[in-house]
Amino acid sequence: MTIPHAPTFIPVEVCSSAGLAPSTPIDQCLAAVKADVAADGVAAPAADVAALQKVVASAKEHGIDLKVVVMDKSPAIDTPLRDIATEIGQGDPGSTVLVLSPGWAGTYSTTYDRVILEAGQDVAKTAPNPVVGTQAFVDQLQTPDFPWTGFTITLVIGVAVAAVLTRVLQLRARRAQPSDMASDQGK
């Protein structure tokens, strides 16, 4: 029988999101963060919780099951933020998770593709505070994509029509040349 244990890639900085000391074992920190997120969608320092809960509630009204984790310190590298988001997201299927630290962001979602998530991360991590960053992330998720498929189809059809029209004009010009030469010779 395998005994489940917390992943070792979760940084100790996540403990601050749950209000725990950095010396707390990682599995306890992660469990506390998951419990905070399960309760109200937010695991963050107390000063940001109420405003973040409003953003989460607003996102829910727009069909986004958002979960937010805010860390007051950044880990040595930014990769663990996505790992934390993945851990939380896998425990809450269908949710979109944003993990913020000063200057970095990590996300997870089965609803949105990676391109949209990373665009949201870019605007979230450059915001002046976690509340503004989270709102910017939600706004980015709601921004309509450029209709690349329709644009591509229209462009291909336009090029095909131009090619056919060019060929028709070439054939007409070729047919007209011999008759023009014959009329010139008759003069």
C-alpha atoms as a PDB file:
ATOM      1  CA  MET A   1       0.000   0.000   0.000  1.00  0.00           C
ATOM      2  CA  THR A   2       1.331   3.412  -0.975  1.00  0.00           C
ATOM      3  CA  ILE A   3       1.125   6.134   1.618  1.00  0.00           C
ATOM      4  CA  PRO A   4       0.136   9.458   0.047  1.00  0.00           C
ATOM      5  CA  HIS A   5       2.392  12.369   0.805  1.00  0.00           C
ATOM      6  CA  ALA A   6       2.599  16.013  -0.194  1.00  0.00           C
ATOM      7  CA  PRO A   7       4.622  16.759  -3.300  1.00  0.00           C
ATOM      8  CA  THR A   8       8.112  18.055  -2.620  1.00  0.00           C
ATOM      9  CA  PHE A   9       7.883  20.775  -5.262  1.00  0.00           C
ATOM     10  CA  ILE A  10       5.551  22.963  -3.190  1.00  0.00           C
ATOM     11  CA  PRO A  11       7.619  25.803  -1.659  1.00  0.00           C
ATOM     12  CA  VAL A  12       7.462  26.704   2.030  1.00  0.00           C
ATOM     13  CA  GLU A  13       6.285  30.189   1.038  1.00  0.00           C
ATOM     14  CA  VAL A  14       2.797  28.707   0.540  1.00  0.00           C
ATOM     15  CA  CYS A  15       2.537  28.435   4.331  1.00  0.00           C
ATOM     16  CA  SER A  16       2.111  32.202   4.559  1.00  0.00           C
ATOM     17  CA  SER A  17      -1.058  31.936   2.428  1.00  0.00           C
ATOM     18  CA  ALA A  18      -2.576  29.788   5.123  1.00  0.00           C
ATOM     19  CA  GLY A  19      -1.265  31.956   7.944  1.00  0.00           C
ATOM     20  CA  LEU A  20       1.175  29.254   9.044  1.00  0.00           C
ATOM     21  CA  ALA A  21       4.831  29.528   9.995  1.00  0.00           C
ATOM     22  CA  PRO A  22       7.368  28.581   7.294  1.00  0.00           C
ATOM     23  CA  SER A  23       8.601  25.797   9.580  1.00  0.00           C
ATOM     24  CA  THR A  24       5.227  24.020   9.232  1.00  0.00           C
ATOM     25  CA  PRO A  25       5.521  20.817   7.185  1.00  0.00           C
ATOM     26  CA  ILE A  26       4.590  21.331   3.528  1.00  0.00           C
ATOM     27  CA  ASP A  27       1.758  18.788   3.601  1.00  0.00           C
ATOM     28  CA  GLN A  28       0.107  20.686   6.472  1.00  0.00           C
ATOM     29  CA  CYS A  29       0.574  24.017   4.660  1.00  0.00           C
ATOM     30  CA  LEU A  30      -0.950  22.653   1.472  1.00  0.00           C
ATOM     31  CA  ALA A  31      -3.840  21.078   3.393  1.00  0.00           C
ATOM     32  CA  ALA A  32      -4.536  24.406   5.117  1.00  0.00           C
ATOM     33  CA  VAL A  33      -4.425  26.290   1.791  1.00  0.00           C
ATOM     34  CA  LYS A  34      -6.800  23.749   0.226  1.00  0.00           C
ATOM     35  CA  ALA A  35      -9.174  24.130   3.187  1.00  0.00           C
ATOM     36  CA  ASP A  36      -9.117  27.945   2.868  1.00  0.00           C
ATOM     37  CA  VAL A  37      -9.793  27.724  -0.848  1.00  0.00           C
ATOM     38  CA  ALA A  38     -12.593  25.190  -0.320  1.00  0.00           C
ATOM     39  CA  ALA A  39     -14.262  27.477   2.232  1.00  0.00           C
ATOM     40  CA  ASP A  40     -14.470  30.685   0.208  1.00  0.00           C
ATOM     41  CA  GLY A  41     -12.306  30.378  -2.904  1.00  0.00           C
ATOM     42  CA  VAL A  42      -9.442  32.368  -1.401  1.00  0.00           C
ATOM     43  CA  ALA A  43      -6.267  31.623   0.538  1.00  0.00           C
ATOM     44  CA  ALA A  44      -4.482  34.914   1.105  1.00  0.00           C
ATOM     45  CA  PRO A  45      -3.118  37.245   3.755  1.00  0.00           C
ATOM     46  CA  ALA A  46      -6.008  38.649   5.831  1.00  0.00           C
ATOM     47  CA  ALA A  47      -5.745  42.151   4.344  1.00  0.00           C
ATOM     48  CA  ASP A  48      -6.679  40.910   0.850  1.00  0.00           C
ATOM     49  CA  VAL A  49      -9.292  38.252   1.632  1.00  0.00           C
ATOM     50  CA  ALA A  50     -12.508  40.349   1.573  1.00  0.00           C
ATOM     51  CA  ALA A  51     -11.654  42.108  -1.702  1.00  0.00           C
ATOM     52  CA  LEU A  52     -10.528  38.852  -3.320  1.00  0.00           C
ATOM     53  CA  GLN A  53     -13.764  37.147  -2.229  1.00  0.00           C
ATOM     54  CA  LYS A  54     -15.670  39.877  -4.109  1.00  0.00           C
ATOM     55  CA  VAL A  55     -13.632  39.212  -7.256  1.00  0.00           C
ATOM     56  CA  VAL A  56     -14.230  35.460  -6.893  1.00  0.00           C
ATOM     57  CA  ALA A  57     -17.989  36.037  -6.420  1.00  0.00           C
ATOM     58  CA  SER A  58     -18.095  38.337  -9.457  1.00  0.00           C
ATOM     59  CA  ALA A  59     -16.234  35.750 -11.527  1.00  0.00           C
ATOM     60  CA  LYS A  60     -18.732  33.093 -10.431  1.00  0.00           C
ATOM     61  CA  GLU A  61     -21.576  35.321 -11.707  1.00  0.00           C
ATOM     62  CA  HIS A  62     -19.857  35.192 -15.102  1.00  0.00           C
ATOM     63  CA  GLY A  63     -19.492  31.401 -15.027  1.00  0.00           C
ATOM     64  CA  ILE A  64     -15.899  31.223 -13.829  1.00  0.00           C
ATOM     65  CA  ASP A  65     -15.232  28.938 -10.866  1.00  0.00           C
ATOM     66  CA  LEU A  66     -12.199  30.877  -9.648  1.00  0.00           C
ATOM     67  CA  LYS A  67      -9.892  29.906  -6.795  1.00  0.00           C
ATOM     68  CA  VAL A  68      -7.148  32.311  -5.680  1.00  0.00           C
ATOM     69  CA  VAL A  69      -4.010  31.741  -3.612  1.00  0.00           C
ATOM     70  CA  VAL A  70      -1.825  34.716  -2.710  1.00  0.00           C
ATOM     71  CA  MET A  71       1.659  34.250  -1.331  1.00  0.00           C
ATOM     72  CA  ASP A  72       3.310  37.232   0.345  1.00  0.00           C
ATOM     73  CA  LYS A  73       6.776  36.005  -0.663  1.00  0.00           C
ATOM     74  CA  SER A  74       7.950  34.546  -3.950  1.00  0.00           C
ATOM     75  CA  PRO A  75       9.676  31.166  -4.092  1.00  0.00           C
ATOM     76  CA  ALA A  76      13.177  30.966  -5.583  1.00  0.00           C
ATOM     77  CA  ILE A  77      11.700  30.192  -9.030  1.00  0.00           C
ATOM     78  CA  ASP A  78       8.222  30.743 -10.444  1.00  0.00           C
ATOM     79  CA  THR A  79       7.507  27.175 -11.571  1.00  0.00           C
ATOM     80  CA  PRO A  80       6.092  26.030  -8.199  1.00  0.00           C
ATOM     81  CA  LEU A  81       3.228  28.507  -8.536  1.00  0.00           C
ATOM     82  CA  ARG A  82       1.763  26.436 -11.365  1.00  0.00           C
ATOM     83  CA  ASP A  83       2.383  23.296  -9.308  1.00  0.00           C
ATOM     84  CA  ILE A  84       0.388  24.755  -6.415  1.00  0.00           C
ATOM     85  CA  ALA A  85      -2.375  25.797  -8.816  1.00  0.00           C
ATOM     86  CA  THR A  86      -2.431  22.274 -10.266  1.00  0.00           C
ATOM     87  CA  GLU A  87      -2.658  20.667  -6.819  1.00  0.00           C
ATOM     88  CA  ILE A  88      -5.599  22.872  -5.887  1.00  0.00           C
ATOM     89  CA  GLY A  89      -7.290  22.578  -9.283  1.00  0.00           C
ATOM     90  CA  GLN A  90      -7.101  18.806  -9.350  1.00  0.00           C
ATOM     91  CA  GLY A  91      -8.807  18.753  -5.966  1.00  0.00           C
ATOM     92  CA  ASP A  92     -11.617  20.942  -7.305  1.00  0.00           C
ATOM     93  CA  PRO A  93     -12.430  19.766 -10.854  1.00  0.00           C
ATOM     94  CA  GLY A  94     -13.761  22.415 -13.206  1.00  0.00           C
ATOM     95  CA  SER A  95     -12.177  25.280 -11.320  1.00  0.00           C
ATOM     96  CA  THR A  96      -9.685  27.814 -12.613  1.00  0.00           C
ATOM     97  CA  VAL A  97      -6.904  28.501 -10.120  1.00  0.00           C
ATOM     98  CA  LEU A  98      -4.683  31.568  -9.896  1.00  0.00           C
ATOM     99  CA  VAL A  99      -1.664  31.596  -7.582  1.00  0.00           C
ATOM    100  CA  LEU A 100       0.030  34.969  -7.127  1.00  0.00           C
ATOM    101  CA  SER A 101       3.264  35.991  -5.477  1.00  0.00           C
ATOM    102  CA  PRO A 102       5.089  39.317  -5.790  1.00  0.00           C
ATOM    103  CA  GLY A 103       5.938  39.550  -9.490  1.00  0.00           C
ATOM    104  CA  TRP A 104       4.899  36.011 -10.471  1.00  0.00           C
ATOM    105  CA  ALA A 105       1.750  34.051 -11.199  1.00  0.00           C
ATOM    106  CA  GLY A 106       0.819  30.442 -11.856  1.00  0.00           C
ATOM    107  CA  THR A 107      -2.454  29.031 -13.134  1.00  0.00           C
ATOM    108  CA  TYR A 108      -4.390  25.843 -13.722  1.00  0.00           C
ATOM    109  CA  SER A 109      -7.647  25.185 -15.521  1.00  0.00           C
ATOM    110  CA  THR A 110      -9.378  22.479 -17.478  1.00  0.00           C
ATOM    111  CA  THR A 111     -11.808  25.097 -18.806  1.00  0.00           C
ATOM    112  CA  TYR A 112      -9.364  27.539 -20.424  1.00  0.00           C
ATOM    113  CA  ASP A 113      -6.441  26.699 -22.660  1.00  0.00           C
ATOM    114  CA  ARG A 114      -2.852  27.488 -21.715  1.00  0.00           C
ATOM    115  CA  VAL A 115      -2.592  30.476 -24.090  1.00  0.00           C
ATOM    116  CA  ILE A 116      -5.491  32.267 -22.396  1.00  0.00           C
ATOM    117  CA  LEU A 117      -4.204  31.352 -18.932  1.00  0.00           C
ATOM    118  CA  GLU A 118      -0.730  32.663 -19.675  1.00  0.00           C
ATOM    119  CA  ALA A 119      -2.143  35.890 -21.090  1.00  0.00           C
ATOM    120  CA  GLY A 120      -4.064  36.233 -17.821  1.00  0.00           C
ATOM    121  CA  GLN A 121      -0.948  35.450 -15.808  1.00  0.00           C
ATOM    122  CA  ASP A 122       0.958  38.187 -17.611  1.00  0.00           C
ATOM    123  CA  VAL A 123      -1.567  40.854 -16.645  1.00  0.00           C
ATOM    124  CA  ALA A 124      -2.044  39.491 -13.114  1.00  0.00           C
ATOM    125  CA  LYS A 125       1.617  39.385 -12.139  1.00  0.00           C
ATOM    126  CA  THR A 126       2.297  42.961 -13.225  1.00  0.00           C
ATOM    127  CA  ALA A 127      -0.590  44.444 -11.239  1.00  0.00           C
ATOM    128  CA  PRO A 128       0.186  46.645  -8.232  1.00  0.00           C
ATOM    129  CA  ASN A 129      -1.582  44.312  -5.772  1.00  0.00           C
ATOM    130  CA  PRO A 130      -3.231  40.863  -5.687  1.00  0.00           C
ATOM    131  CA  VAL A 131      -6.796  42.203  -5.883  1.00  0.00           C
ATOM    132  CA  VAL A 132      -6.121  44.265  -9.010  1.00  0.00           C
ATOM    133  CA  GLY A 133      -4.111  41.357 -10.462  1.00  0.00           C
ATOM    134  CA  THR A 134      -6.918  38.884  -9.849  1.00  0.00           C
ATOM    135  CA  GLN A 135      -9.488  41.204 -11.431  1.00  0.00           C
ATOM    136  CA  ALA A 136      -7.185  41.716 -14.430  1.00  0.00           C
ATOM    137  CA  PHE A 137      -6.863  37.914 -14.718  1.00  0.00           C
ATOM    138  CA  VAL A 138     -10.658  37.502 -14.730  1.00  0.00           C
ATOM    139  CA  ASP A 139     -11.013  40.299 -17.276  1.00  0.00           C
ATOM    140  CA  GLN A 140      -8.489  38.560 -19.527  1.00  0.00           C
ATOM    141  CA  LEU A 141     -10.414  35.286 -19.284  1.00  0.00           C
ATOM    142  CA  GLN A 142     -13.544  37.129 -20.420  1.00  0.00           C
ATOM    143  CA  THR A 143     -11.851  38.920 -23.316  1.00  0.00           C
ATOM    144  CA  PRO A 144     -13.077  37.428 -26.583  1.00  0.00           C
ATOM    145  CA  ASP A 145     -10.474  35.732 -28.714  1.00  0.00           C
ATOM    146  CA  PHE A 146      -9.720  37.074 -32.156  1.00  0.00           C
ATOM    147  CA  PRO A 147     -11.625  34.845 -34.618  1.00  0.00           C
ATOM    148  CA  TRP A 148      -8.533  33.368 -36.257  1.00  0.00           C
ATOM    149  CA  THR A 149     -10.435  30.538 -37.926  1.00  0.00           C
ATOM    150  CA  GLY A 150     -12.833  32.870 -39.692  1.00  0.00           C
ATOM    151  CA  PHE A 151     -10.011  35.227 -40.615  1.00  0.00           C
ATOM    152  CA  THR A 152      -7.940  32.366 -42.055  1.00  0.00           C
ATOM    153  CA  ILE A 153     -10.844  30.974 -44.083  1.00  0.00           C
ATOM    154  CA  THR A 154     -11.630  34.437 -45.470  1.00  0.00           C
ATOM    155  CA  LEU A 155      -7.984  35.017 -46.324  1.00  0.00           C
ATOM    156  CA  VAL A 156      -7.626  31.649 -48.102  1.00  0.00           C
ATOM    157  CA  ILE A 157     -10.812  32.210 -50.101  1.00  0.00           C
ATOM    158  CA  GLY A 158      -9.656  35.745 -51.008  1.00  0.00           C
ATOM    159  CA  VAL A 159      -6.279  34.483 -52.230  1.00  0.00           C
ATOM    160  CA  ALA A 160      -7.954  31.686 -54.225  1.00  0.00           C
ATOM    161  CA  VAL A 161     -10.373  34.132 -55.867  1.00  0.00           C
ATOM    162  CA  ALA A 162      -7.490  36.491 -56.704  1.00  0.00           C
ATOM    163  CA  ALA A 163      -5.487  33.619 -58.227  1.00  0.00           C
ATOM    164  CA  VAL A 164      -8.436  32.473 -60.377  1.00  0.00           C
ATOM    165  CA  LEU A 165      -9.185  36.045 -61.467  1.00  0.00           C
ATOM    166  CA  THR A 166      -5.531  36.592 -62.375  1.00  0.00           C
ATOM    167  CA  ARG A 167      -5.488  33.413 -64.465  1.00  0.00           C
ATOM    168  CA  VAL A 168      -8.720  34.359 -66.269  1.00  0.00           C
ATOM    169  CA  LEU A 169      -7.284  37.779 -67.105  1.00  0.00           C
ATOM    170  CA  GLN A 170      -4.049  36.171 -68.366  1.00  0.00           C
ATOM    171  CA  LEU A 171      -5.988  33.849 -70.696  1.00  0.00           C
ATOM    172  CA  ARG A 172      -8.099  36.721 -72.043  1.00  0.00           C
ATOM    173  CA  ALA A 173      -4.984  38.779 -72.672  1.00  0.00           C
ATOM    174  CA  ARG A 174      -3.364  35.872 -74.557  1.00  0.00           C
ATOM    175  CA  ARG A 175      -6.442  35.329 -76.743  1.00  0.00           C
ATOM    176  CA  ALA A 176      -6.700  39.014 -77.496  1.00  0.00           C
ATOM    177  CA  GLN A 177      -3.064  39.290 -78.642  1.00  0.00           C
ATOM    178  CA  PRO A 178      -3.285  37.279 -81.918  1.00  0.00           C
ATOM    179  CA  SER A 179      -6.424  39.117 -83.040  1.00  0.00           C
ATOM    180  CA  ASP A 180      -4.809  42.448 -82.273  1.00  0.00           C
ATOM    181  CA  MET A 181      -1.739  41.483 -84.315  1.00  0.00           C
ATOM    182  CA  ALA A 182      -3.903  40.381 -87.267  1.00  0.00           C
ATOM    183  CA  SER A 183      -5.784  43.668 -87.301  1.00  0.00           C
ATOM    184  CA  ASP A 184      -2.485  45.573 -87.149  1.00  0.00           C
ATOM    185  CA  GLN A 185      -1.125  43.609 -90.154  1.00  0.00           C
ATOM    186  CA  GLY A 186      -4.209  44.366 -92.197  1.00  0.00           C
ATOM    187  CA  LYS A 187      -3.627  48.119 -92.018  1.00  0.00           C
END
